[in-house]
Amino acid sequence: MKQLAKYAIASAMLGSAMFSSAAMAEQKIGVVNVQGIFQALPQAAEIQNAISMEFKEQVDEVNMLQRDGQLYAEKLQRDAATMSAAEKKELEEKILTVREQLSQKVQPLQQNIQRRQNEERNKILALIKQAIDSVAADNDYDLVLDAPAVVYADESNDLSQKVLDQLSKLN
């Protein structure tokens, strides 16, 4: 009796394995290079330019502070032998002030730029996802994977160009 139960369980497992592989063979799987699509979109470059213009004044201010600090440091190094102690101290204080101002401005500026880039990138990625969903539905794909996650894919299942075409229709 125990032997019969073992054979029944083994037969059921073998049958389900065969059924699942047959079901998997019927699935249509596509591949999309999301990063390549993102880089190919003209909106990505436009957004980068817009963000650069948005933060231009703050970036210029930080660059000016860096130049001032560098000039003060070079002057101190170059003229230290001929300066009085008071002049050296004044120049060192200027350098410290510039460094403090830089530390107060650089990190928040970088965080704001990063936040804006992420916001805009997420908007574009949402558009890309909609285009992928549309192309997959139109071509009866059951599953679409990102190209870097796939070891091997048949080029006929690469939907990247179709997605790019779909996105160009939206503009």
N, C-alpha and C. Protein backbone atom coordinates (compact mmCIF):
# COMPACT_ATOMS: atom_id res chain seq x y z
N MET A 1 0.82 -1.18 0.00
CA MET A 1 0.00 0.00 0.00
C MET A 1 0.87 1.26 0.00
N LYS A 2 1.91 1.25 0.85
CA LYS A 2 2.81 2.39 0.90
C LYS A 2 3.51 2.58 -0.45
N GLN A 3 3.87 1.48 -1.06
CA GLN A 3 4.54 1.53 -2.34
C GLN A 3 3.63 2.15 -3.40
N LEU A 4 2.36 1.82 -3.37
CA LEU A 4 1.39 2.34 -4.32
C LEU A 4 1.22 3.85 -4.13
N ALA A 5 1.21 4.29 -2.88
CA ALA A 5 1.09 5.72 -2.59
C ALA A 5 2.31 6.47 -3.11
N LYS A 6 3.48 5.90 -2.96
CA LYS A 6 4.70 6.53 -3.45
C LYS A 6 4.66 6.68 -4.97
N TYR A 7 4.22 5.61 -5.67
CA TYR A 7 4.11 5.67 -7.12
C TYR A 7 3.08 6.70 -7.57
N ALA A 8 1.99 6.79 -6.84
CA ALA A 8 0.94 7.76 -7.18
C ALA A 8 1.46 9.19 -7.03
N ILE A 9 2.17 9.46 -5.94
CA ILE A 9 2.72 10.80 -5.70
C ILE A 9 3.77 11.13 -6.75
N ALA A 10 4.64 10.17 -7.05
CA ALA A 10 5.68 10.39 -8.05
C ALA A 10 5.06 10.64 -9.42
N SER A 11 4.02 9.88 -9.76
CA SER A 11 3.34 10.08 -11.04
C SER A 11 2.68 11.45 -11.11
N ALA A 12 2.08 11.88 -10.00
CA ALA A 12 1.44 13.20 -9.97
C ALA A 12 2.48 14.31 -10.14
N MET A 13 3.61 14.17 -9.48
CA MET A 13 4.67 15.18 -9.59
C MET A 13 5.23 15.22 -11.00
N LEU A 14 5.46 14.08 -11.59
CA LEU A 14 5.98 14.01 -12.95
C LEU A 14 4.98 14.60 -13.94
N GLY A 15 3.72 14.28 -13.75
CA GLY A 15 2.68 14.81 -14.63
C GLY A 15 2.56 16.31 -14.52
N SER A 16 2.65 16.84 -13.29
CA SER A 16 2.55 18.30 -13.13
C SER A 16 3.78 18.99 -13.70
N ALA A 17 4.94 18.37 -13.59
CA ALA A 17 6.15 18.95 -14.18
C ALA A 17 6.04 19.00 -15.69
N MET A 18 5.51 17.95 -16.27
CA MET A 18 5.35 17.92 -17.73
C MET A 18 4.31 18.95 -18.17
N PHE A 19 3.24 19.08 -17.39
CA PHE A 19 2.19 20.04 -17.73
C PHE A 19 2.71 21.46 -17.61
N SER A 20 3.49 21.76 -16.55
CA SER A 20 3.99 23.13 -16.38
C SER A 20 4.98 23.49 -17.48
N SER A 21 5.81 22.54 -17.93
CA SER A 21 6.74 22.87 -19.01
C SER A 21 5.99 23.07 -20.32
N ALA A 22 4.90 22.34 -20.52
CA ALA A 22 4.09 22.54 -21.72
C ALA A 22 3.41 23.91 -21.67
N ALA A 23 2.94 24.29 -20.50
CA ALA A 23 2.30 25.60 -20.35
C ALA A 23 3.32 26.71 -20.56
N MET A 24 4.52 26.50 -20.07
CA MET A 24 5.57 27.51 -20.23
C MET A 24 5.94 27.67 -21.70
N ALA A 25 5.90 26.59 -22.46
CA ALA A 25 6.26 26.65 -23.87
C ALA A 25 5.26 27.50 -24.65
N GLU A 26 4.07 27.62 -24.16
CA GLU A 26 3.05 28.39 -24.85
C GLU A 26 3.15 29.89 -24.56
N GLN A 27 3.91 30.26 -23.56
CA GLN A 27 4.03 31.67 -23.23
C GLN A 27 4.92 32.38 -24.25
N LYS A 28 4.55 33.61 -24.54
CA LYS A 28 5.34 34.42 -25.47
C LYS A 28 6.07 35.46 -24.62
N ILE A 29 7.40 35.41 -24.67
CA ILE A 29 8.22 36.26 -23.82
C ILE A 29 8.99 37.25 -24.69
N GLY A 30 8.89 38.53 -24.34
CA GLY A 30 9.60 39.58 -25.06
C GLY A 30 10.70 40.19 -24.21
N VAL A 31 11.59 40.90 -24.86
CA VAL A 31 12.72 41.54 -24.19
C VAL A 31 12.76 43.00 -24.61
N VAL A 32 13.05 43.88 -23.64
CA VAL A 32 13.15 45.31 -23.91
C VAL A 32 14.37 45.86 -23.18
N ASN A 33 15.14 46.68 -23.87
CA ASN A 33 16.28 47.34 -23.24
C ASN A 33 15.82 48.72 -22.76
N VAL A 34 15.35 48.79 -21.53
CA VAL A 34 14.77 50.02 -20.99
C VAL A 34 15.82 51.13 -20.94
N GLN A 35 17.02 50.81 -20.50
CA GLN A 35 18.08 51.83 -20.41
C GLN A 35 18.41 52.39 -21.79
N GLY A 36 18.49 51.53 -22.78
CA GLY A 36 18.77 51.99 -24.14
C GLY A 36 17.66 52.87 -24.68
N ILE A 37 16.43 52.51 -24.39
CA ILE A 37 15.28 53.32 -24.82
C ILE A 37 15.34 54.68 -24.15
N PHE A 38 15.60 54.68 -22.84
CA PHE A 38 15.68 55.93 -22.08
C PHE A 38 16.73 56.86 -22.69
N GLN A 39 17.89 56.33 -23.00
CA GLN A 39 18.97 57.14 -23.55
C GLN A 39 18.68 57.61 -24.96
N ALA A 40 17.88 56.84 -25.70
CA ALA A 40 17.57 57.20 -27.08
C ALA A 40 16.49 58.27 -27.18
N LEU A 41 15.77 58.47 -26.10
CA LEU A 41 14.69 59.45 -26.13
C LEU A 41 15.24 60.87 -26.10
N PRO A 42 14.75 61.74 -26.96
CA PRO A 42 15.19 63.14 -26.93
C PRO A 42 14.74 63.85 -25.65
N GLN A 43 13.67 63.37 -25.03
CA GLN A 43 13.19 64.00 -23.80
C GLN A 43 14.22 63.90 -22.69
N ALA A 44 15.02 62.84 -22.66
CA ALA A 44 16.02 62.67 -21.61
C ALA A 44 17.04 63.80 -21.66
N ALA A 45 17.53 64.13 -22.85
CA ALA A 45 18.49 65.22 -22.99
C ALA A 45 17.84 66.56 -22.69
N GLU A 46 16.60 66.74 -23.13
CA GLU A 46 15.88 67.99 -22.86
C GLU A 46 15.71 68.21 -21.36
N ILE A 47 15.38 67.14 -20.67
CA ILE A 47 15.18 67.24 -19.21
C ILE A 47 16.50 67.59 -18.53
N GLN A 48 17.58 66.97 -18.97
CA GLN A 48 18.89 67.27 -18.37
C GLN A 48 19.24 68.74 -18.58
N ASN A 49 18.97 69.27 -19.76
CA ASN A 49 19.23 70.69 -20.03
C ASN A 49 18.34 71.57 -19.17
N ALA A 50 17.07 71.20 -19.03
CA ALA A 50 16.14 71.99 -18.22
C ALA A 50 16.58 72.02 -16.75
N ILE A 51 17.04 70.88 -16.25
CA ILE A 51 17.50 70.83 -14.85
C ILE A 51 18.77 71.67 -14.70
N SER A 52 19.66 71.61 -15.68
CA SER A 52 20.88 72.43 -15.63
C SER A 52 20.53 73.92 -15.59
N MET A 53 19.55 74.32 -16.39
CA MET A 53 19.13 75.73 -16.39
C MET A 53 18.44 76.11 -15.08
N GLU A 54 17.68 75.18 -14.53
CA GLU A 54 16.96 75.44 -13.28
C GLU A 54 17.91 75.73 -12.13
N PHE A 55 19.04 75.03 -12.08
CA PHE A 55 19.98 75.18 -10.97
C PHE A 55 21.24 75.95 -11.37
N LYS A 56 21.21 76.63 -12.52
CA LYS A 56 22.39 77.31 -13.05
C LYS A 56 22.95 78.35 -12.08
N GLU A 57 22.09 79.17 -11.51
CA GLU A 57 22.56 80.23 -10.60
C GLU A 57 23.24 79.63 -9.38
N GLN A 58 22.65 78.59 -8.82
CA GLN A 58 23.24 77.99 -7.63
C GLN A 58 24.57 77.29 -7.96
N VAL A 59 24.64 76.64 -9.10
CA VAL A 59 25.87 75.98 -9.52
C VAL A 59 26.95 77.03 -9.78
N ASP A 60 26.58 78.13 -10.42
CA ASP A 60 27.54 79.21 -10.66
C ASP A 60 28.06 79.79 -9.35
N GLU A 61 27.17 79.93 -8.39
CA GLU A 61 27.58 80.46 -7.08
C GLU A 61 28.58 79.52 -6.40
N VAL A 62 28.32 78.23 -6.46
CA VAL A 62 29.24 77.25 -5.88
C VAL A 62 30.57 77.28 -6.62
N ASN A 63 30.53 77.37 -7.94
CA ASN A 63 31.78 77.44 -8.71
C ASN A 63 32.59 78.68 -8.36
N MET A 64 31.89 79.79 -8.15
CA MET A 64 32.57 81.04 -7.77
C MET A 64 33.24 80.88 -6.40
N LEU A 65 32.54 80.27 -5.46
CA LEU A 65 33.14 80.03 -4.14
C LEU A 65 34.36 79.12 -4.25
N GLN A 66 34.28 78.10 -5.08
CA GLN A 66 35.42 77.21 -5.25
C GLN A 66 36.62 77.95 -5.84
N ARG A 67 36.36 78.80 -6.82
CA ARG A 67 37.45 79.59 -7.41
C ARG A 67 38.06 80.53 -6.38
N ASP A 68 37.20 81.19 -5.61
CA ASP A 68 37.71 82.10 -4.57
C ASP A 68 38.58 81.35 -3.57
N GLY A 69 38.10 80.20 -3.13
CA GLY A 69 38.87 79.40 -2.17
C GLY A 69 40.19 78.96 -2.75
N GLN A 70 40.18 78.58 -4.00
CA GLN A 70 41.42 78.16 -4.66
C GLN A 70 42.39 79.34 -4.79
N LEU A 71 41.86 80.50 -5.16
CA LEU A 71 42.72 81.69 -5.27
C LEU A 71 43.34 82.06 -3.93
N TYR A 72 42.54 82.03 -2.88
CA TYR A 72 43.05 82.34 -1.54
C TYR A 72 44.13 81.34 -1.13
N ALA A 73 43.90 80.06 -1.40
CA ALA A 73 44.88 79.03 -1.03
C ALA A 73 46.17 79.21 -1.82
N GLU A 74 46.06 79.52 -3.11
CA GLU A 74 47.26 79.74 -3.92
C GLU A 74 48.02 80.96 -3.45
N LYS A 75 47.29 82.02 -3.11
CA LYS A 75 47.95 83.24 -2.63
C LYS A 75 48.67 82.98 -1.32
N LEU A 76 48.03 82.23 -0.44
CA LEU A 76 48.66 81.91 0.84
C LEU A 76 49.92 81.08 0.62
N GLN A 77 49.84 80.11 -0.25
CA GLN A 77 51.00 79.26 -0.51
C GLN A 77 52.12 80.04 -1.18
N ARG A 78 51.75 80.90 -2.12
CA ARG A 78 52.74 81.64 -2.89
C ARG A 78 53.40 82.76 -2.08
N ASP A 79 52.57 83.51 -1.30
CA ASP A 79 53.08 84.70 -0.64
C ASP A 79 53.28 84.54 0.87
N ALA A 80 53.19 83.34 1.39
CA ALA A 80 53.28 83.12 2.83
C ALA A 80 54.60 83.64 3.42
N ALA A 81 55.67 83.50 2.69
CA ALA A 81 56.98 83.90 3.21
C ALA A 81 57.08 85.42 3.37
N THR A 82 56.38 86.17 2.56
CA THR A 82 56.48 87.63 2.62
C THR A 82 55.34 88.28 3.39
N MET A 83 54.34 87.50 3.83
CA MET A 83 53.18 88.06 4.54
C MET A 83 53.46 88.20 6.02
N SER A 84 52.77 89.17 6.60
CA SER A 84 52.84 89.30 8.06
C SER A 84 51.91 88.25 8.67
N ALA A 85 52.04 88.04 9.95
CA ALA A 85 51.21 87.05 10.65
C ALA A 85 49.73 87.43 10.56
N ALA A 86 49.43 88.72 10.64
CA ALA A 86 48.04 89.18 10.56
C ALA A 86 47.45 88.91 9.17
N GLU A 87 48.24 89.14 8.13
CA GLU A 87 47.77 88.89 6.76
C GLU A 87 47.52 87.39 6.53
N LYS A 88 48.44 86.56 7.07
CA LYS A 88 48.26 85.12 6.96
C LYS A 88 46.99 84.67 7.66
N LYS A 89 46.80 85.21 8.86
CA LYS A 89 45.61 84.82 9.63
C LYS A 89 44.33 85.26 8.91
N GLU A 90 44.34 86.45 8.35
CA GLU A 90 43.16 86.95 7.62
C GLU A 90 42.86 86.08 6.40
N LEU A 91 43.89 85.71 5.67
CA LEU A 91 43.72 84.88 4.49
C LEU A 91 43.25 83.47 4.89
N GLU A 92 43.78 82.92 5.97
CA GLU A 92 43.35 81.61 6.45
C GLU A 92 41.88 81.64 6.88
N GLU A 93 41.46 82.75 7.49
CA GLU A 93 40.06 82.90 7.89
C GLU A 93 39.15 82.98 6.67
N LYS A 94 39.61 83.68 5.63
CA LYS A 94 38.84 83.74 4.39
C LYS A 94 38.68 82.34 3.79
N ILE A 95 39.76 81.58 3.79
CA ILE A 95 39.72 80.21 3.26
C ILE A 95 38.73 79.37 4.06
N LEU A 96 38.77 79.48 5.37
CA LEU A 96 37.84 78.73 6.22
C LEU A 96 36.39 79.15 5.98
N THR A 97 36.17 80.43 5.81
CA THR A 97 34.82 80.94 5.54
C THR A 97 34.29 80.38 4.22
N VAL A 98 35.14 80.38 3.21
CA VAL A 98 34.74 79.85 1.90
C VAL A 98 34.43 78.36 2.02
N ARG A 99 35.24 77.62 2.76
CA ARG A 99 35.01 76.19 2.93
C ARG A 99 33.68 75.93 3.65
N GLU A 100 33.40 76.73 4.65
CA GLU A 100 32.13 76.57 5.39
C GLU A 100 30.94 76.87 4.47
N GLN A 101 31.06 77.94 3.69
CA GLN A 101 29.98 78.28 2.76
C GLN A 101 29.77 77.17 1.73
N LEU A 102 30.88 76.62 1.25
CA LEU A 102 30.79 75.52 0.29
C LEU A 102 30.10 74.30 0.90
N SER A 103 30.49 73.97 2.12
CA SER A 103 29.89 72.79 2.75
C SER A 103 28.39 73.00 3.01
N GLN A 104 27.99 74.24 3.24
CA GLN A 104 26.57 74.54 3.47
C GLN A 104 25.77 74.53 2.16
N LYS A 105 26.42 74.81 1.05
CA LYS A 105 25.69 74.94 -0.21
C LYS A 105 25.79 73.73 -1.13
N VAL A 106 26.91 73.04 -1.12
CA VAL A 106 27.13 71.96 -2.08
C VAL A 106 26.19 70.78 -1.83
N GLN A 107 26.14 70.28 -0.62
CA GLN A 107 25.32 69.08 -0.36
C GLN A 107 23.84 69.32 -0.62
N PRO A 108 23.23 70.40 -0.13
CA PRO A 108 21.82 70.62 -0.46
C PRO A 108 21.58 70.80 -1.96
N LEU A 109 22.51 71.45 -2.63
CA LEU A 109 22.37 71.62 -4.08
C LEU A 109 22.41 70.27 -4.79
N GLN A 110 23.35 69.43 -4.42
CA GLN A 110 23.44 68.09 -5.02
C GLN A 110 22.17 67.29 -4.75
N GLN A 111 21.65 67.40 -3.54
CA GLN A 111 20.42 66.67 -3.20
C GLN A 111 19.23 67.18 -4.01
N ASN A 112 19.13 68.49 -4.18
CA ASN A 112 18.03 69.06 -4.97
C ASN A 112 18.12 68.65 -6.44
N ILE A 113 19.32 68.68 -6.99
CA ILE A 113 19.51 68.26 -8.38
C ILE A 113 19.16 66.79 -8.53
N GLN A 114 19.62 65.96 -7.60
CA GLN A 114 19.33 64.52 -7.65
C GLN A 114 17.83 64.26 -7.53
N ARG A 115 17.16 64.99 -6.66
CA ARG A 115 15.71 64.83 -6.48
C ARG A 115 14.97 65.16 -7.77
N ARG A 116 15.34 66.28 -8.39
CA ARG A 116 14.69 66.69 -9.64
C ARG A 116 14.96 65.70 -10.76
N GLN A 117 16.20 65.20 -10.84
CA GLN A 117 16.52 64.20 -11.87
C GLN A 117 15.69 62.94 -11.66
N ASN A 118 15.53 62.52 -10.42
CA ASN A 118 14.73 61.33 -10.13
C ASN A 118 13.26 61.55 -10.50
N GLU A 119 12.73 62.73 -10.19
CA GLU A 119 11.34 63.03 -10.54
C GLU A 119 11.13 62.93 -12.05
N GLU A 120 12.00 63.57 -12.79
CA GLU A 120 11.86 63.58 -14.25
C GLU A 120 12.12 62.20 -14.85
N ARG A 121 13.09 61.48 -14.30
CA ARG A 121 13.39 60.13 -14.78
C ARG A 121 12.19 59.22 -14.55
N ASN A 122 11.56 59.36 -13.40
CA ASN A 122 10.39 58.53 -13.10
C ASN A 122 9.23 58.82 -14.05
N LYS A 123 9.08 60.09 -14.45
CA LYS A 123 8.03 60.43 -15.42
C LYS A 123 8.29 59.73 -16.75
N ILE A 124 9.54 59.78 -17.20
CA ILE A 124 9.88 59.14 -18.47
C ILE A 124 9.74 57.63 -18.37
N LEU A 125 10.17 57.06 -17.25
CA LEU A 125 10.05 55.61 -17.08
C LEU A 125 8.58 55.17 -17.06
N ALA A 126 7.70 56.02 -16.54
CA ALA A 126 6.27 55.70 -16.57
C ALA A 126 5.76 55.68 -18.01
N LEU A 127 6.22 56.64 -18.82
CA LEU A 127 5.85 56.64 -20.24
C LEU A 127 6.39 55.39 -20.96
N ILE A 128 7.62 55.02 -20.64
CA ILE A 128 8.22 53.83 -21.25
C ILE A 128 7.43 52.59 -20.85
N LYS A 129 7.02 52.51 -19.59
CA LYS A 129 6.24 51.36 -19.13
C LYS A 129 4.90 51.28 -19.86
N GLN A 130 4.26 52.42 -20.04
CA GLN A 130 2.99 52.43 -20.78
C GLN A 130 3.20 51.95 -22.22
N ALA A 131 4.27 52.40 -22.84
CA ALA A 131 4.56 51.99 -24.21
C ALA A 131 4.87 50.49 -24.27
N ILE A 132 5.61 49.98 -23.30
CA ILE A 132 5.92 48.54 -23.26
C ILE A 132 4.63 47.75 -23.10
N ASP A 133 3.77 48.18 -22.19
CA ASP A 133 2.49 47.49 -21.98
C ASP A 133 1.66 47.48 -23.26
N SER A 134 1.63 48.61 -23.94
CA SER A 134 0.86 48.72 -25.17
C SER A 134 1.41 47.79 -26.26
N VAL A 135 2.73 47.82 -26.46
CA VAL A 135 3.35 46.97 -27.49
C VAL A 135 3.17 45.49 -27.13
N ALA A 136 3.32 45.15 -25.86
CA ALA A 136 3.16 43.76 -25.44
C ALA A 136 1.72 43.29 -25.69
N ALA A 137 0.76 44.14 -25.38
CA ALA A 137 -0.64 43.77 -25.60
C ALA A 137 -0.94 43.64 -27.10
N ASP A 138 -0.43 44.56 -27.89
CA ASP A 138 -0.68 44.52 -29.33
C ASP A 138 -0.08 43.28 -30.00
N ASN A 139 1.04 42.81 -29.46
CA ASN A 139 1.74 41.67 -30.07
C ASN A 139 1.54 40.36 -29.29
N ASP A 140 0.62 40.35 -28.35
CA ASP A 140 0.25 39.15 -27.58
C ASP A 140 1.42 38.55 -26.78
N TYR A 141 2.23 39.39 -26.18
CA TYR A 141 3.30 38.89 -25.32
C TYR A 141 2.75 38.70 -23.91
N ASP A 142 3.10 37.55 -23.30
CA ASP A 142 2.65 37.25 -21.94
C ASP A 142 3.56 37.88 -20.90
N LEU A 143 4.82 38.02 -21.25
CA LEU A 143 5.82 38.50 -20.30
C LEU A 143 6.87 39.30 -21.06
N VAL A 144 7.26 40.45 -20.50
CA VAL A 144 8.32 41.26 -21.10
C VAL A 144 9.37 41.50 -20.03
N LEU A 145 10.61 41.15 -20.35
CA LEU A 145 11.73 41.28 -19.40
C LEU A 145 12.69 42.37 -19.86
N ASP A 146 13.40 42.94 -18.90
CA ASP A 146 14.44 43.92 -19.22
C ASP A 146 15.66 43.17 -19.75
N ALA A 147 16.23 43.65 -20.82
CA ALA A 147 17.31 42.95 -21.52
C ALA A 147 18.50 42.58 -20.62
N PRO A 148 18.97 43.45 -19.72
CA PRO A 148 20.11 43.04 -18.89
C PRO A 148 19.80 41.85 -17.97
N ALA A 149 18.53 41.56 -17.73
CA ALA A 149 18.17 40.45 -16.86
C ALA A 149 18.10 39.13 -17.61
N VAL A 150 18.29 39.17 -18.93
CA VAL A 150 18.16 37.97 -19.76
C VAL A 150 19.53 37.56 -20.28
N VAL A 151 19.84 36.29 -20.12
CA VAL A 151 21.13 35.77 -20.59
C VAL A 151 21.11 35.63 -22.10
N TYR A 152 20.03 35.06 -22.62
CA TYR A 152 19.93 34.86 -24.06
C TYR A 152 18.50 35.16 -24.48
N ALA A 153 18.35 35.86 -25.58
CA ALA A 153 17.02 36.14 -26.12
C ALA A 153 17.12 36.16 -27.64
N ASP A 154 16.13 35.62 -28.27
CA ASP A 154 16.03 35.65 -29.72
C ASP A 154 15.75 37.09 -30.15
N GLU A 155 16.46 37.58 -31.15
CA GLU A 155 16.29 38.97 -31.59
C GLU A 155 14.87 39.26 -32.07
N SER A 156 14.17 38.25 -32.49
CA SER A 156 12.80 38.46 -32.95
C SER A 156 11.87 38.83 -31.80
N ASN A 157 12.31 38.57 -30.57
CA ASN A 157 11.50 38.91 -29.40
C ASN A 157 11.94 40.22 -28.75
N ASP A 158 12.87 40.93 -29.37
CA ASP A 158 13.31 42.23 -28.85
C ASP A 158 12.31 43.30 -29.28
N LEU A 159 11.65 43.88 -28.31
CA LEU A 159 10.60 44.86 -28.57
C LEU A 159 11.08 46.30 -28.44
N SER A 160 12.37 46.51 -28.24
CA SER A 160 12.90 47.85 -27.97
C SER A 160 12.54 48.85 -29.06
N GLN A 161 12.74 48.48 -30.32
CA GLN A 161 12.47 49.42 -31.41
C GLN A 161 10.97 49.72 -31.50
N LYS A 162 10.15 48.72 -31.29
CA LYS A 162 8.70 48.94 -31.32
C LYS A 162 8.27 49.89 -30.21
N VAL A 163 8.91 49.75 -29.05
CA VAL A 163 8.59 50.64 -27.92
C VAL A 163 9.03 52.06 -28.25
N LEU A 164 10.21 52.20 -28.85
CA LEU A 164 10.68 53.53 -29.26
C LEU A 164 9.73 54.16 -30.27
N ASP A 165 9.28 53.36 -31.22
CA ASP A 165 8.32 53.86 -32.21
C ASP A 165 7.03 54.29 -31.54
N GLN A 166 6.57 53.51 -30.58
CA GLN A 166 5.34 53.83 -29.84
C GLN A 166 5.51 55.17 -29.08
N LEU A 167 6.69 55.35 -28.47
CA LEU A 167 6.96 56.59 -27.73
C LEU A 167 7.05 57.79 -28.67
N SER A 168 7.59 57.59 -29.86
CA SER A 168 7.68 58.70 -30.80
C SER A 168 6.30 59.14 -31.28
N LYS A 169 5.33 58.21 -31.30
CA LYS A 169 3.97 58.55 -31.66
C LYS A 169 3.32 59.44 -30.61
N LEU A 170 3.75 59.28 -29.35
CA LEU A 170 3.17 60.07 -28.26
C LEU A 170 3.58 61.52 -28.32
N ASN A 171 4.69 61.81 -28.96
CA ASN A 171 5.19 63.20 -28.98
C ASN A 171 4.63 63.98 -30.13
